């Protein structure tokens, strides 16, 4: 039976009214992948009127 460990990473959305996810988060995700983490879910956090303020990456790896 697999046992999982979980973590999260929050990435802020840039640009006027949101809409731009910078490239800097990719380096961090690649580093986490080298440590065995995999993205399990991506959740947008909205601040109103459908505008996304940040994105939460839920990560997991086998223990």
Protein backbone atom coordinates (compact mmCIF):
# COMPACT_ATOMS: atom_id res chain seq x y z
CA UNK A 1 0.00 0.00 0.00
CA UNK A 2 1.42 3.38 -1.00
CA UNK A 3 1.87 6.11 1.59
CA UNK A 4 2.00 9.70 0.42
CA UNK A 5 3.51 12.90 1.72
CA UNK A 6 1.91 16.19 0.63
CA UNK A 7 3.11 19.78 0.23
CA UNK A 8 1.95 22.94 -1.52
CA UNK A 9 3.44 25.82 -3.44
CA UNK A 10 1.68 29.15 -3.96
CA UNK A 11 2.45 31.20 -7.08
CA UNK A 12 1.24 34.80 -7.33
CA UNK A 13 -0.40 35.94 -10.58
CA UNK A 14 1.17 38.98 -12.20
CA UNK A 15 -0.11 41.64 -14.53
CA UNK A 16 -2.98 44.09 -14.43
CA UNK A 17 -6.13 42.22 -13.36
CA UNK A 18 -4.08 39.03 -13.09
CA UNK A 19 -3.79 36.68 -16.00
CA UNK A 20 0.00 36.30 -16.18
CA UNK A 21 1.71 33.38 -14.54
CA UNK A 22 5.44 34.16 -14.61
CA UNK A 23 8.07 31.63 -15.69
CA UNK A 24 9.99 31.71 -12.40
CA UNK A 25 7.78 29.04 -10.81
CA UNK A 26 8.89 26.46 -13.40
CA UNK A 27 12.43 26.38 -11.98
CA UNK A 28 11.07 25.71 -8.51
CA UNK A 29 8.70 22.98 -9.76
CA UNK A 30 11.58 21.30 -11.61
CA UNK A 31 13.69 21.32 -8.44
CA UNK A 32 10.82 19.79 -6.47
CA UNK A 33 10.41 17.14 -9.18
CA UNK A 34 14.08 16.19 -8.78
CA UNK A 35 13.32 15.68 -5.08
CA UNK A 36 10.51 13.27 -5.98
CA UNK A 37 7.52 15.63 -5.80
CA UNK A 38 4.77 15.52 -8.44
CA UNK A 39 1.96 18.01 -9.04
CA UNK A 40 -1.31 16.41 -7.93
CA UNK A 41 -3.70 19.36 -8.33
CA UNK A 42 -3.67 23.02 -9.36
CA UNK A 43 -6.15 25.34 -7.65
CA UNK A 44 -6.72 28.97 -8.72
CA UNK A 45 -7.49 31.40 -5.87
CA UNK A 46 -9.89 34.14 -6.91
CA UNK A 47 -10.20 37.61 -5.41
CA UNK A 48 -13.55 38.50 -6.93
CA UNK A 49 -15.21 39.02 -10.30
CA UNK A 50 -13.40 35.94 -11.59
CA UNK A 51 -9.95 37.50 -11.20
CA UNK A 52 -7.30 34.99 -10.11
CA UNK A 53 -4.81 36.31 -7.55
CA UNK A 54 -2.65 33.21 -7.17
CA UNK A 55 -2.42 29.54 -7.97
CA UNK A 56 -1.82 26.76 -5.45
CA UNK A 57 0.07 23.68 -6.63
CA UNK A 58 -0.67 20.65 -4.45
CA UNK A 59 2.26 18.23 -4.58
CA UNK A 60 2.72 14.65 -3.45
CA UNK A 61 5.49 12.09 -3.26
CA UNK A 62 5.66 8.54 -2.07
CA UNK A 63 7.20 8.06 1.36
